[in-house]
Amino acid sequence: MKTLFGMGRPAPASRVLREFRVWVSAAALLLALGVGGLLFGVLPLATSADAGARRAQAAAQQLATSTRELAQATALRDAADQAQQDVVTFQSKVLPADVAEARRLTHLKLSQMARDHDVAFQRSAAATEEVRDSSLERLRVSYALVGDYQDIRALVHAIETAPDFLVLDNVYLAEGADPQAPLTLTLELSTYFRAPNRAP
């Protein structure tokens, strides 16, 4: 093998390349393979891994959104079921079962309450009416009563706090010509009852 480097004189690059072309070619080939592997193997894999990570993150966000929406839908369904059960309970246990029971509630109970509060019954009128888009009907009752102010006030309070479902629509209080005469009270009340053979 020839000496590449003489004492005090550098060897030309062309001679080095010529003498070691096999090794230089091998090194160049290895370098090219390394760069090619980097360009065509590692970088696409890294890009694919990033894309996969982004897809996984989007899927996780979609799953979280779907889980929240499912929880909201379930809560809404449960609330609707509970509301339906409450309506059925209210109609079956709180409201009068029919018009006869509604009349007993309004006439007998109110007459008893008036007597308990020293308010005299004068006259009454009642009428039923259908409630649109409902299986219920309404009983409207008007009562005329006479008594002093404190007794009338106690009677109205008793009606408003009674456990029965009575709606106090209007209260009219009138005073006669004689200031010492008792006051005239007109009550307009309503209650509801389940109407037979009517679907909601």
N, C-alpha and C. Protein backbone atom coordinates (compact mmCIF):
# COMPACT_ATOMS: atom_id res chain seq x y z
N MET A 1 0.85 -1.18 0.00
CA MET A 1 0.00 0.00 0.00
C MET A 1 0.89 1.23 0.00
N LYS A 2 0.49 2.20 -0.83
CA LYS A 2 1.31 3.41 -0.94
C LYS A 2 1.02 4.32 0.24
N THR A 3 2.06 5.07 0.55
CA THR A 3 1.91 6.00 1.66
C THR A 3 1.14 7.22 1.17
N LEU A 4 0.11 7.61 1.93
CA LEU A 4 -0.70 8.75 1.53
C LEU A 4 -0.04 10.05 1.94
N PHE A 5 0.57 10.02 3.06
CA PHE A 5 1.08 11.28 3.60
C PHE A 5 2.60 11.22 3.69
N GLY A 6 3.24 12.15 3.03
CA GLY A 6 4.70 12.27 3.12
C GLY A 6 5.05 13.26 4.20
N MET A 7 6.21 13.30 4.55
CA MET A 7 6.65 14.21 5.60
C MET A 7 6.64 15.62 5.08
N GLY A 8 5.83 16.46 5.67
CA GLY A 8 5.81 17.87 5.36
C GLY A 8 4.98 18.22 4.15
N ARG A 9 4.29 17.24 3.53
CA ARG A 9 3.52 17.56 2.33
C ARG A 9 2.16 16.88 2.41
N PRO A 10 1.04 17.63 2.37
CA PRO A 10 -0.28 16.98 2.44
C PRO A 10 -0.61 16.26 1.14
N ALA A 11 -1.40 15.17 1.28
CA ALA A 11 -1.82 14.41 0.10
C ALA A 11 -3.01 15.10 -0.53
N PRO A 12 -3.14 15.13 -1.84
CA PRO A 12 -4.29 15.76 -2.50
C PRO A 12 -5.55 14.93 -2.25
N ALA A 13 -6.70 15.62 -2.22
CA ALA A 13 -7.98 14.97 -1.96
C ALA A 13 -8.33 13.98 -3.04
N SER A 14 -8.00 14.30 -4.27
CA SER A 14 -8.32 13.38 -5.37
C SER A 14 -7.61 12.06 -5.18
N ARG A 15 -6.39 12.12 -4.69
CA ARG A 15 -5.63 10.88 -4.48
C ARG A 15 -6.24 10.07 -3.36
N VAL A 16 -6.69 10.77 -2.28
CA VAL A 16 -7.33 10.07 -1.14
C VAL A 16 -8.60 9.39 -1.62
N LEU A 17 -9.40 10.12 -2.42
CA LEU A 17 -10.64 9.53 -2.92
C LEU A 17 -10.36 8.35 -3.84
N ARG A 18 -9.34 8.50 -4.63
CA ARG A 18 -9.00 7.43 -5.58
C ARG A 18 -8.51 6.21 -4.81
N GLU A 19 -7.69 6.40 -3.83
CA GLU A 19 -7.09 5.30 -3.09
C GLU A 19 -8.13 4.58 -2.22
N PHE A 20 -9.08 5.38 -1.65
CA PHE A 20 -10.06 4.78 -0.71
C PHE A 20 -11.48 4.86 -1.26
N ARG A 21 -11.63 4.74 -2.58
CA ARG A 21 -12.96 4.91 -3.17
C ARG A 21 -13.95 3.86 -2.68
N VAL A 22 -13.47 2.66 -2.41
CA VAL A 22 -14.38 1.62 -1.92
C VAL A 22 -14.95 2.03 -0.55
N TRP A 23 -14.08 2.50 0.33
CA TRP A 23 -14.53 2.90 1.65
C TRP A 23 -15.37 4.17 1.60
N VAL A 24 -14.96 5.08 0.74
CA VAL A 24 -15.73 6.30 0.59
C VAL A 24 -17.11 6.00 0.02
N SER A 25 -17.16 5.09 -0.99
CA SER A 25 -18.44 4.69 -1.59
C SER A 25 -19.34 4.01 -0.55
N ALA A 26 -18.70 3.16 0.25
CA ALA A 26 -19.48 2.46 1.28
C ALA A 26 -20.02 3.45 2.31
N ALA A 27 -19.16 4.41 2.69
CA ALA A 27 -19.62 5.41 3.65
C ALA A 27 -20.74 6.27 3.07
N ALA A 28 -20.57 6.65 1.77
CA ALA A 28 -21.61 7.45 1.12
C ALA A 28 -22.91 6.67 1.02
N LEU A 29 -22.82 5.37 0.70
CA LEU A 29 -24.01 4.53 0.60
C LEU A 29 -24.70 4.42 1.96
N LEU A 30 -23.91 4.22 3.00
CA LEU A 30 -24.48 4.14 4.34
C LEU A 30 -25.15 5.45 4.74
N LEU A 31 -24.48 6.55 4.38
CA LEU A 31 -25.07 7.85 4.69
C LEU A 31 -26.38 8.05 3.94
N ALA A 32 -26.39 7.67 2.65
CA ALA A 32 -27.61 7.80 1.85
C ALA A 32 -28.72 6.92 2.41
N LEU A 33 -28.36 5.68 2.81
CA LEU A 33 -29.37 4.79 3.40
C LEU A 33 -29.93 5.37 4.70
N GLY A 34 -29.03 5.96 5.51
CA GLY A 34 -29.48 6.56 6.76
C GLY A 34 -30.43 7.73 6.53
N VAL A 35 -30.05 8.61 5.56
CA VAL A 35 -30.92 9.74 5.25
C VAL A 35 -32.23 9.26 4.66
N GLY A 36 -32.16 8.26 3.77
CA GLY A 36 -33.40 7.72 3.18
C GLY A 36 -34.30 7.09 4.22
N GLY A 37 -33.66 6.34 5.14
CA GLY A 37 -34.47 5.75 6.22
C GLY A 37 -35.12 6.80 7.08
N LEU A 38 -34.37 7.88 7.33
CA LEU A 38 -34.93 8.97 8.12
C LEU A 38 -36.10 9.63 7.40
N LEU A 39 -35.89 9.90 6.08
CA LEU A 39 -36.93 10.59 5.31
C LEU A 39 -38.15 9.72 5.06
N PHE A 40 -37.92 8.46 4.73
CA PHE A 40 -39.03 7.60 4.29
C PHE A 40 -39.55 6.65 5.38
N GLY A 41 -38.83 6.57 6.49
CA GLY A 41 -39.27 5.65 7.54
C GLY A 41 -39.64 6.34 8.84
N VAL A 42 -38.68 7.08 9.38
CA VAL A 42 -38.88 7.65 10.71
C VAL A 42 -39.84 8.83 10.67
N LEU A 43 -39.64 9.76 9.71
CA LEU A 43 -40.51 10.94 9.66
C LEU A 43 -41.97 10.58 9.39
N PRO A 44 -42.27 9.69 8.41
CA PRO A 44 -43.70 9.30 8.25
C PRO A 44 -44.28 8.65 9.50
N LEU A 45 -43.44 7.83 10.17
CA LEU A 45 -43.94 7.20 11.40
C LEU A 45 -44.23 8.25 12.47
N ALA A 46 -43.35 9.25 12.58
CA ALA A 46 -43.59 10.32 13.56
C ALA A 46 -44.84 11.11 13.22
N THR A 47 -45.00 11.41 11.90
CA THR A 47 -46.20 12.12 11.46
C THR A 47 -47.44 11.29 11.72
N SER A 48 -47.36 9.98 11.44
CA SER A 48 -48.49 9.09 11.68
C SER A 48 -48.81 9.00 13.17
N ALA A 49 -47.75 8.98 14.00
CA ALA A 49 -47.97 8.93 15.45
C ALA A 49 -48.65 10.21 15.93
N ASP A 50 -48.21 11.38 15.39
CA ASP A 50 -48.85 12.64 15.76
C ASP A 50 -50.32 12.65 15.34
N ALA A 51 -50.56 12.18 14.10
CA ALA A 51 -51.95 12.14 13.62
C ALA A 51 -52.78 11.19 14.48
N GLY A 52 -52.19 10.06 14.85
CA GLY A 52 -52.91 9.12 15.73
C GLY A 52 -53.21 9.73 17.09
N ALA A 53 -52.23 10.49 17.62
CA ALA A 53 -52.45 11.15 18.92
C ALA A 53 -53.56 12.18 18.81
N ARG A 54 -53.58 12.93 17.69
CA ARG A 54 -54.64 13.91 17.50
C ARG A 54 -56.00 13.22 17.37
N ARG A 55 -56.03 12.11 16.63
CA ARG A 55 -57.30 11.36 16.49
C ARG A 55 -57.76 10.82 17.84
N ALA A 56 -56.81 10.33 18.63
CA ALA A 56 -57.16 9.80 19.95
C ALA A 56 -57.70 10.91 20.85
N GLN A 57 -57.08 12.10 20.78
CA GLN A 57 -57.56 13.22 21.58
C GLN A 57 -58.95 13.66 21.15
N ALA A 58 -59.18 13.70 19.80
CA ALA A 58 -60.51 14.07 19.30
C ALA A 58 -61.54 13.03 19.72
N ALA A 59 -61.15 11.74 19.68
CA ALA A 59 -62.08 10.68 20.09
C ALA A 59 -62.40 10.78 21.58
N ALA A 60 -61.39 11.13 22.39
CA ALA A 60 -61.63 11.28 23.83
C ALA A 60 -62.57 12.45 24.11
N GLN A 61 -62.38 13.56 23.36
CA GLN A 61 -63.28 14.70 23.54
C GLN A 61 -64.71 14.35 23.11
N GLN A 62 -64.81 13.59 21.98
CA GLN A 62 -66.13 13.17 21.51
C GLN A 62 -66.80 12.24 22.52
N LEU A 63 -66.00 11.36 23.11
CA LEU A 63 -66.54 10.46 24.13
C LEU A 63 -67.04 11.23 25.34
N ALA A 64 -66.24 12.23 25.77
CA ALA A 64 -66.66 13.04 26.93
C ALA A 64 -67.94 13.80 26.62
N THR A 65 -68.04 14.37 25.40
CA THR A 65 -69.25 15.09 25.00
C THR A 65 -70.45 14.15 24.96
N SER A 66 -70.25 12.97 24.36
CA SER A 66 -71.34 11.99 24.29
C SER A 66 -71.78 11.53 25.67
N THR A 67 -70.81 11.36 26.57
CA THR A 67 -71.14 10.95 27.94
C THR A 67 -71.97 12.02 28.65
N ARG A 68 -71.56 13.30 28.46
CA ARG A 68 -72.34 14.40 29.07
C ARG A 68 -73.75 14.45 28.50
N GLU A 69 -73.86 14.32 27.15
CA GLU A 69 -75.18 14.37 26.52
C GLU A 69 -76.05 13.21 26.98
N LEU A 70 -75.45 12.03 27.14
CA LEU A 70 -76.21 10.87 27.63
C LEU A 70 -76.70 11.11 29.05
N ALA A 71 -75.82 11.68 29.90
CA ALA A 71 -76.21 11.96 31.28
C ALA A 71 -77.34 12.99 31.32
N GLN A 72 -77.27 14.01 30.46
CA GLN A 72 -78.33 15.02 30.42
C GLN A 72 -79.65 14.41 29.92
N ALA A 73 -79.55 13.57 28.88
CA ALA A 73 -80.77 12.93 28.36
C ALA A 73 -81.38 12.01 29.40
N THR A 74 -80.53 11.28 30.12
CA THR A 74 -81.04 10.38 31.16
C THR A 74 -81.71 11.17 32.29
N ALA A 75 -81.08 12.27 32.70
CA ALA A 75 -81.67 13.11 33.75
C ALA A 75 -83.00 13.70 33.28
N LEU A 76 -83.06 14.12 32.02
CA LEU A 76 -84.30 14.68 31.48
C LEU A 76 -85.40 13.63 31.43
N ARG A 77 -85.03 12.40 31.00
CA ARG A 77 -86.01 11.32 30.97
C ARG A 77 -86.52 10.99 32.36
N ASP A 78 -85.58 10.92 33.33
CA ASP A 78 -85.99 10.62 34.71
C ASP A 78 -86.89 11.72 35.28
N ALA A 79 -86.57 12.98 34.95
CA ALA A 79 -87.40 14.09 35.42
C ALA A 79 -88.79 14.01 34.79
N ALA A 80 -88.85 13.66 33.49
CA ALA A 80 -90.15 13.54 32.84
C ALA A 80 -90.97 12.39 33.44
N ASP A 81 -90.30 11.27 33.72
CA ASP A 81 -90.99 10.14 34.36
C ASP A 81 -91.51 10.52 35.74
N GLN A 82 -90.67 11.24 36.51
CA GLN A 82 -91.09 11.66 37.85
C GLN A 82 -92.25 12.63 37.78
N ALA A 83 -92.19 13.55 36.80
CA ALA A 83 -93.29 14.51 36.64
C ALA A 83 -94.58 13.78 36.28
N GLN A 84 -94.47 12.77 35.41
CA GLN A 84 -95.67 11.99 35.04
C GLN A 84 -96.24 11.27 36.26
N GLN A 85 -95.35 10.69 37.07
CA GLN A 85 -95.81 10.00 38.28
C GLN A 85 -96.45 10.99 39.26
N ASP A 86 -95.86 12.19 39.36
CA ASP A 86 -96.43 13.21 40.25
C ASP A 86 -97.82 13.64 39.78
N VAL A 87 -97.99 13.77 38.47
CA VAL A 87 -99.31 14.14 37.92
C VAL A 87 -100.33 13.06 38.24
N VAL A 88 -99.94 11.79 38.03
CA VAL A 88 -100.87 10.68 38.32
C VAL A 88 -101.22 10.66 39.80
N THR A 89 -100.22 10.84 40.68
CA THR A 89 -100.47 10.85 42.12
C THR A 89 -101.37 12.02 42.49
N PHE A 90 -101.09 13.20 41.93
CA PHE A 90 -101.90 14.38 42.22
C PHE A 90 -103.35 14.16 41.80
N GLN A 91 -103.54 13.62 40.60
CA GLN A 91 -104.91 13.43 40.11
C GLN A 91 -105.66 12.34 40.88
N SER A 92 -104.93 11.31 41.31
CA SER A 92 -105.62 10.20 41.97
C SER A 92 -105.80 10.41 43.47
N LYS A 93 -104.90 11.19 44.12
CA LYS A 93 -104.96 11.30 45.58
C LYS A 93 -105.33 12.68 46.09
N VAL A 94 -105.15 13.72 45.28
CA VAL A 94 -105.41 15.07 45.76
C VAL A 94 -106.72 15.61 45.20
N LEU A 95 -106.91 15.46 43.90
CA LEU A 95 -108.12 16.01 43.26
C LEU A 95 -109.35 15.15 43.57
N PRO A 96 -110.51 15.78 43.58
CA PRO A 96 -111.74 14.99 43.71
C PRO A 96 -111.88 13.99 42.55
N ALA A 97 -112.47 12.84 42.84
CA ALA A 97 -112.57 11.79 41.83
C ALA A 97 -113.60 12.11 40.75
N ASP A 98 -114.65 12.86 41.10
CA ASP A 98 -115.69 13.16 40.12
C ASP A 98 -116.40 14.45 40.53
N VAL A 99 -117.42 14.82 39.74
CA VAL A 99 -118.09 16.09 40.00
C VAL A 99 -118.86 16.04 41.33
N ALA A 100 -119.39 14.88 41.69
CA ALA A 100 -120.13 14.78 42.95
C ALA A 100 -119.20 15.03 44.14
N GLU A 101 -117.99 14.45 44.09
CA GLU A 101 -117.04 14.67 45.17
C GLU A 101 -116.56 16.12 45.18
N ALA A 102 -116.42 16.72 44.00
CA ALA A 102 -116.01 18.13 43.93
C ALA A 102 -117.08 19.02 44.54
N ARG A 103 -118.36 18.70 44.29
CA ARG A 103 -119.45 19.50 44.89
C ARG A 103 -119.48 19.33 46.41
N ARG A 104 -119.24 18.09 46.87
CA ARG A 104 -119.21 17.87 48.32
C ARG A 104 -118.07 18.66 48.96
N LEU A 105 -116.91 18.65 48.28
CA LEU A 105 -115.76 19.38 48.81
C LEU A 105 -116.06 20.87 48.91
N THR A 106 -116.62 21.43 47.85
CA THR A 106 -116.84 22.87 47.85
C THR A 106 -118.02 23.25 48.74
N HIS A 107 -119.16 22.57 48.60
CA HIS A 107 -120.36 23.00 49.33
C HIS A 107 -120.31 22.61 50.81
N LEU A 108 -120.16 21.31 51.07
CA LEU A 108 -120.22 20.86 52.47
C LEU A 108 -119.04 21.40 53.28
N LYS A 109 -117.85 21.26 52.72
CA LYS A 109 -116.67 21.68 53.49
C LYS A 109 -116.67 23.19 53.71
N LEU A 110 -117.00 23.96 52.67
CA LEU A 110 -117.00 25.41 52.83
C LEU A 110 -118.11 25.87 53.78
N SER A 111 -119.25 25.21 53.72
CA SER A 111 -120.33 25.56 54.65
C SER A 111 -119.91 25.29 56.09
N GLN A 112 -119.24 24.14 56.30
CA GLN A 112 -118.75 23.82 57.65
C GLN A 112 -117.71 24.84 58.11
N MET A 113 -116.80 25.21 57.22
CA MET A 113 -115.78 26.20 57.58
C MET A 113 -116.41 27.55 57.89
N ALA A 114 -117.46 27.93 57.14
CA ALA A 114 -118.14 29.20 57.40
C ALA A 114 -118.79 29.18 58.78
N ARG A 115 -119.45 28.05 59.11
CA ARG A 115 -120.06 27.94 60.43
C ARG A 115 -119.01 28.01 61.53
N ASP A 116 -117.87 27.34 61.33
CA ASP A 116 -116.80 27.33 62.33
C ASP A 116 -116.24 28.73 62.59
N HIS A 117 -116.37 29.61 61.60
CA HIS A 117 -115.82 30.97 61.75
C HIS A 117 -116.93 32.04 61.92
N ASP A 118 -118.13 31.59 62.25
CA ASP A 118 -119.26 32.50 62.51
C ASP A 118 -119.57 33.39 61.32
N VAL A 119 -119.48 32.83 60.14
CA VAL A 119 -119.85 33.55 58.91
C VAL A 119 -121.08 32.85 58.36
N ALA A 120 -122.14 33.63 58.09
CA ALA A 120 -123.42 33.05 57.66
C ALA A 120 -123.46 32.87 56.15
N PHE A 121 -123.89 31.68 55.73
CA PHE A 121 -124.04 31.36 54.31
C PHE A 121 -125.33 32.00 53.80
N GLN A 122 -125.31 32.61 52.60
CA GLN A 122 -126.51 33.19 52.00
C GLN A 122 -126.95 32.41 50.77
N ARG A 123 -126.07 32.33 49.79
CA ARG A 123 -126.45 31.61 48.55
C ARG A 123 -125.17 31.17 47.84
N SER A 124 -125.34 30.24 46.86
CA SER A 124 -124.20 29.77 46.08
C SER A 124 -124.66 29.42 44.68
N ALA A 125 -123.71 29.37 43.78
CA ALA A 125 -123.95 28.93 42.40
C ALA A 125 -122.72 28.19 41.94
N ALA A 126 -122.93 27.14 41.15
CA ALA A 126 -121.80 26.33 40.68
C ALA A 126 -122.00 25.98 39.21
N ALA A 127 -120.90 25.83 38.51
CA ALA A 127 -120.94 25.45 37.10
C ALA A 127 -119.66 24.70 36.76
N THR A 128 -119.80 23.71 35.88
CA THR A 128 -118.61 22.96 35.44
C THR A 128 -118.22 23.43 34.04
N GLU A 129 -116.93 23.28 33.75
CA GLU A 129 -116.44 23.61 32.41
C GLU A 129 -115.28 22.69 32.07
N GLU A 130 -115.14 22.40 30.79
CA GLU A 130 -114.05 21.54 30.34
C GLU A 130 -112.74 22.31 30.34
N VAL A 131 -111.66 21.59 30.63
CA VAL A 131 -110.31 22.15 30.54
C VAL A 131 -109.71 21.65 29.24
N ARG A 132 -109.33 22.58 28.39
CA ARG A 132 -108.84 22.21 27.06
C ARG A 132 -107.56 21.37 27.15
N ASP A 133 -107.49 20.35 26.30
CA ASP A 133 -106.33 19.46 26.22
C ASP A 133 -106.00 18.82 27.56
N SER A 134 -107.03 18.40 28.27
CA SER A 134 -106.81 17.80 29.59
C SER A 134 -107.91 16.77 29.85
N SER A 135 -107.59 15.82 30.74
CA SER A 135 -108.60 14.85 31.17
C SER A 135 -109.35 15.37 32.39
N LEU A 136 -109.15 16.63 32.75
CA LEU A 136 -109.81 17.22 33.92
C LEU A 136 -110.93 18.15 33.50
N GLU A 137 -111.84 18.37 34.44
CA GLU A 137 -112.86 19.41 34.30
C GLU A 137 -112.77 20.32 35.52
N ARG A 138 -113.30 21.52 35.36
CA ARG A 138 -113.22 22.52 36.42
C ARG A 138 -114.60 22.78 36.99
N LEU A 139 -114.69 22.86 38.29
CA LEU A 139 -115.94 23.24 38.97
C LEU A 139 -115.71 24.64 39.53
N ARG A 140 -116.49 25.60 39.02
CA ARG A 140 -116.41 26.99 39.50
C ARG A 140 -117.59 27.23 40.44
N VAL A 141 -117.30 27.80 41.60
CA VAL A 141 -118.32 28.01 42.62
C VAL A 141 -118.26 29.46 43.08
N SER A 142 -119.44 30.05 43.25
CA SER A 142 -119.54 31.41 43.80
C SER A 142 -120.38 31.33 45.07
N TYR A 143 -119.85 31.89 46.16
CA TYR A 143 -120.53 31.88 47.45
C TYR A 143 -120.75 33.31 47.93
N ALA A 144 -121.92 33.55 48.47
CA ALA A 144 -122.21 34.83 49.14
C ALA A 144 -122.36 34.53 50.63
N LEU A 145 -121.62 35.26 51.45
CA LEU A 145 -121.60 35.04 52.90
C LEU A 145 -121.69 36.38 53.62
N VAL A 146 -122.06 36.34 54.87
CA VAL A 146 -122.20 37.56 55.66
C VAL A 146 -121.51 37.33 57.00
N GLY A 147 -120.74 38.34 57.44
CA GLY A 147 -120.08 38.23 58.75
C GLY A 147 -119.28 39.49 59.05
N ASP A 148 -118.68 39.52 60.23
CA ASP A 148 -117.84 40.69 60.53
C ASP A 148 -116.43 40.47 59.97
N TYR A 149 -115.67 41.55 59.97
CA TYR A 149 -114.39 41.54 59.26
C TYR A 149 -113.42 40.49 59.80
N GLN A 150 -113.27 40.39 61.10
CA GLN A 150 -112.31 39.44 61.68
C GLN A 150 -112.68 37.99 61.36
N ASP A 151 -113.98 37.68 61.42
CA ASP A 151 -114.42 36.32 61.10
C ASP A 151 -114.20 36.02 59.62
N ILE A 152 -114.52 36.99 58.77
CA ILE A 152 -114.32 36.80 57.33
C ILE A 152 -112.83 36.59 57.03
N ARG A 153 -112.01 37.39 57.68
CA ARG A 153 -110.57 37.26 57.46
C ARG A 153 -110.07 35.88 57.90
N ALA A 154 -110.53 35.39 59.02
CA ALA A 154 -110.14 34.06 59.50
C ALA A 154 -110.64 32.97 58.55
N LEU A 155 -111.85 33.13 58.00
CA LEU A 155 -112.39 32.16 57.05
C LEU A 155 -111.53 32.10 55.78
N VAL A 156 -111.19 33.25 55.24
CA VAL A 156 -110.37 33.28 54.02
C VAL A 156 -109.02 32.63 54.27
N HIS A 157 -108.42 32.90 55.42
CA HIS A 157 -107.14 32.28 55.76
C HIS A 157 -107.28 30.76 55.86
N ALA A 158 -108.38 30.29 56.47
CA ALA A 158 -108.60 28.85 56.60
C ALA A 158 -108.76 28.19 55.23
N ILE A 159 -109.45 28.86 54.31
CA ILE A 159 -109.62 28.30 52.96
C ILE A 159 -108.27 28.22 52.25
N GLU A 160 -107.48 29.28 52.37
CA GLU A 160 -106.19 29.31 51.67
C GLU A 160 -105.20 28.26 52.21
N THR A 161 -105.30 27.92 53.48
CA THR A 161 -104.35 26.98 54.08
C THR A 161 -104.92 25.57 54.21
N ALA A 162 -106.13 25.33 53.70
CA ALA A 162 -106.73 24.01 53.80
C ALA A 162 -105.95 23.01 52.92
N PRO A 163 -105.90 21.73 53.33
CA PRO A 163 -105.15 20.74 52.53
C PRO A 163 -105.86 20.37 51.23
N ASP A 164 -107.14 20.65 51.14
CA ASP A 164 -107.88 20.32 49.92
C ASP A 164 -107.48 21.25 48.78
N PHE A 165 -107.63 20.73 47.55
CA PHE A 165 -107.23 21.54 46.39
C PHE A 165 -108.36 22.48 46.02
N LEU A 166 -108.33 23.66 46.60
CA LEU A 166 -109.28 24.72 46.30
C LEU A 166 -108.51 25.95 45.86
N VAL A 167 -108.92 26.52 44.73
CA VAL A 167 -108.28 27.73 44.22
C VAL A 167 -109.21 28.90 44.50
N LEU A 168 -108.71 29.86 45.26
CA LEU A 168 -109.48 31.06 45.56
C LEU A 168 -109.26 32.05 44.43
N ASP A 169 -110.23 32.15 43.51
CA ASP A 169 -110.07 32.98 42.31
C ASP A 169 -110.26 34.47 42.62
N ASN A 170 -111.34 34.80 43.32
CA ASN A 170 -111.63 36.20 43.63
C ASN A 170 -112.30 36.30 44.99
N VAL A 171 -112.06 37.44 45.65
CA VAL A 171 -112.72 37.74 46.94
C VAL A 171 -113.27 39.16 46.83
N TYR A 172 -114.59 39.29 47.04
CA TYR A 172 -115.24 40.61 47.00
C TYR A 172 -115.83 40.86 48.39
N LEU A 173 -115.53 42.02 48.93
CA LEU A 173 -116.02 42.39 50.25
C LEU A 173 -116.82 43.69 50.10
N ALA A 174 -118.08 43.66 50.55
CA ALA A 174 -118.94 44.85 50.40
C ALA A 174 -119.50 45.24 51.77
N GLU A 175 -119.66 46.53 51.93
CA GLU A 175 -120.18 47.10 53.18
C GLU A 175 -121.55 47.68 52.91
N GLY A 176 -122.49 47.46 53.79
CA GLY A 176 -123.84 47.98 53.61
C GLY A 176 -123.94 49.46 53.97
N ALA A 177 -125.15 49.98 53.89
CA ALA A 177 -125.38 51.40 54.22
C ALA A 177 -125.14 51.65 55.70
N ASP A 178 -125.49 50.68 56.53
CA ASP A 178 -125.29 50.81 57.97
C ASP A 178 -123.89 50.33 58.33
N PRO A 179 -123.02 51.19 58.88
CA PRO A 179 -121.66 50.76 59.22
C PRO A 179 -121.62 49.65 60.26
N GLN A 180 -122.70 49.53 61.06
CA GLN A 180 -122.73 48.49 62.09
C GLN A 180 -123.18 47.15 61.54
N ALA A 181 -123.73 47.15 60.31
CA ALA A 181 -124.23 45.90 59.71
C ALA A 181 -123.04 45.01 59.33
N PRO A 182 -123.28 43.70 59.29
CA PRO A 182 -122.19 42.81 58.88
C PRO A 182 -121.79 43.04 57.42
N LEU A 183 -120.58 42.62 57.09
CA LEU A 183 -120.07 42.75 55.73
C LEU A 183 -120.56 41.59 54.87
N THR A 184 -120.67 41.87 53.58
CA THR A 184 -121.05 40.82 52.62
C THR A 184 -119.79 40.36 51.90
N LEU A 185 -119.56 39.07 51.93
CA LEU A 185 -118.38 38.47 51.30
C LEU A 185 -118.83 37.60 50.14
N THR A 186 -118.24 37.82 48.99
CA THR A 186 -118.47 36.94 47.83
C THR A 186 -117.16 36.26 47.49
N LEU A 187 -117.19 34.94 47.52
CA LEU A 187 -116.01 34.14 47.19
C LEU A 187 -116.24 33.44 45.86
N GLU A 188 -115.23 33.49 44.99
CA GLU A 188 -115.24 32.71 43.76
C GLU A 188 -114.10 31.71 43.85
N LEU A 189 -114.46 30.43 43.84
CA LEU A 189 -113.47 29.37 44.00
C LEU A 189 -113.56 28.39 42.84
N SER A 190 -112.48 27.62 42.70
CA SER A 190 -112.45 26.56 41.69
C SER A 190 -111.80 25.33 42.28
N THR A 191 -112.23 24.19 41.79
CA THR A 191 -111.50 22.95 42.01
C THR A 191 -111.60 22.15 40.71
N TYR A 192 -110.79 21.12 40.61
CA TYR A 192 -110.74 20.31 39.40
C TYR A 192 -111.03 18.87 39.77
N PHE A 193 -111.56 18.14 38.83
CA PHE A 193 -111.84 16.73 39.06
C PHE A 193 -111.61 15.96 37.77
N ARG A 194 -111.41 14.67 37.91
CA ARG A 194 -111.17 13.82 36.74
C ARG A 194 -112.47 13.59 36.00
N ALA A 195 -112.46 13.93 34.74
CA ALA A 195 -113.66 13.77 33.94
C ALA A 195 -113.71 12.36 33.37
N PRO A 196 -114.86 11.69 33.48
CA PRO A 196 -114.95 10.33 32.92
C PRO A 196 -114.92 10.36 31.38
N ASN A 197 -114.32 9.33 30.83
CA ASN A 197 -114.31 9.12 29.36
C ASN A 197 -113.66 10.27 28.60
N ARG A 198 -112.69 10.91 29.22
CA ARG A 198 -111.95 11.96 28.48
C ARG A 198 -110.47 11.66 28.59
N ALA A 199 -109.83 11.54 27.43
CA ALA A 199 -108.39 11.32 27.39
C ALA A 199 -107.69 12.68 27.42
N PRO A 200 -106.51 12.74 27.99
CA PRO A 200 -105.80 14.01 28.02
C PRO A 200 -105.35 14.42 26.64
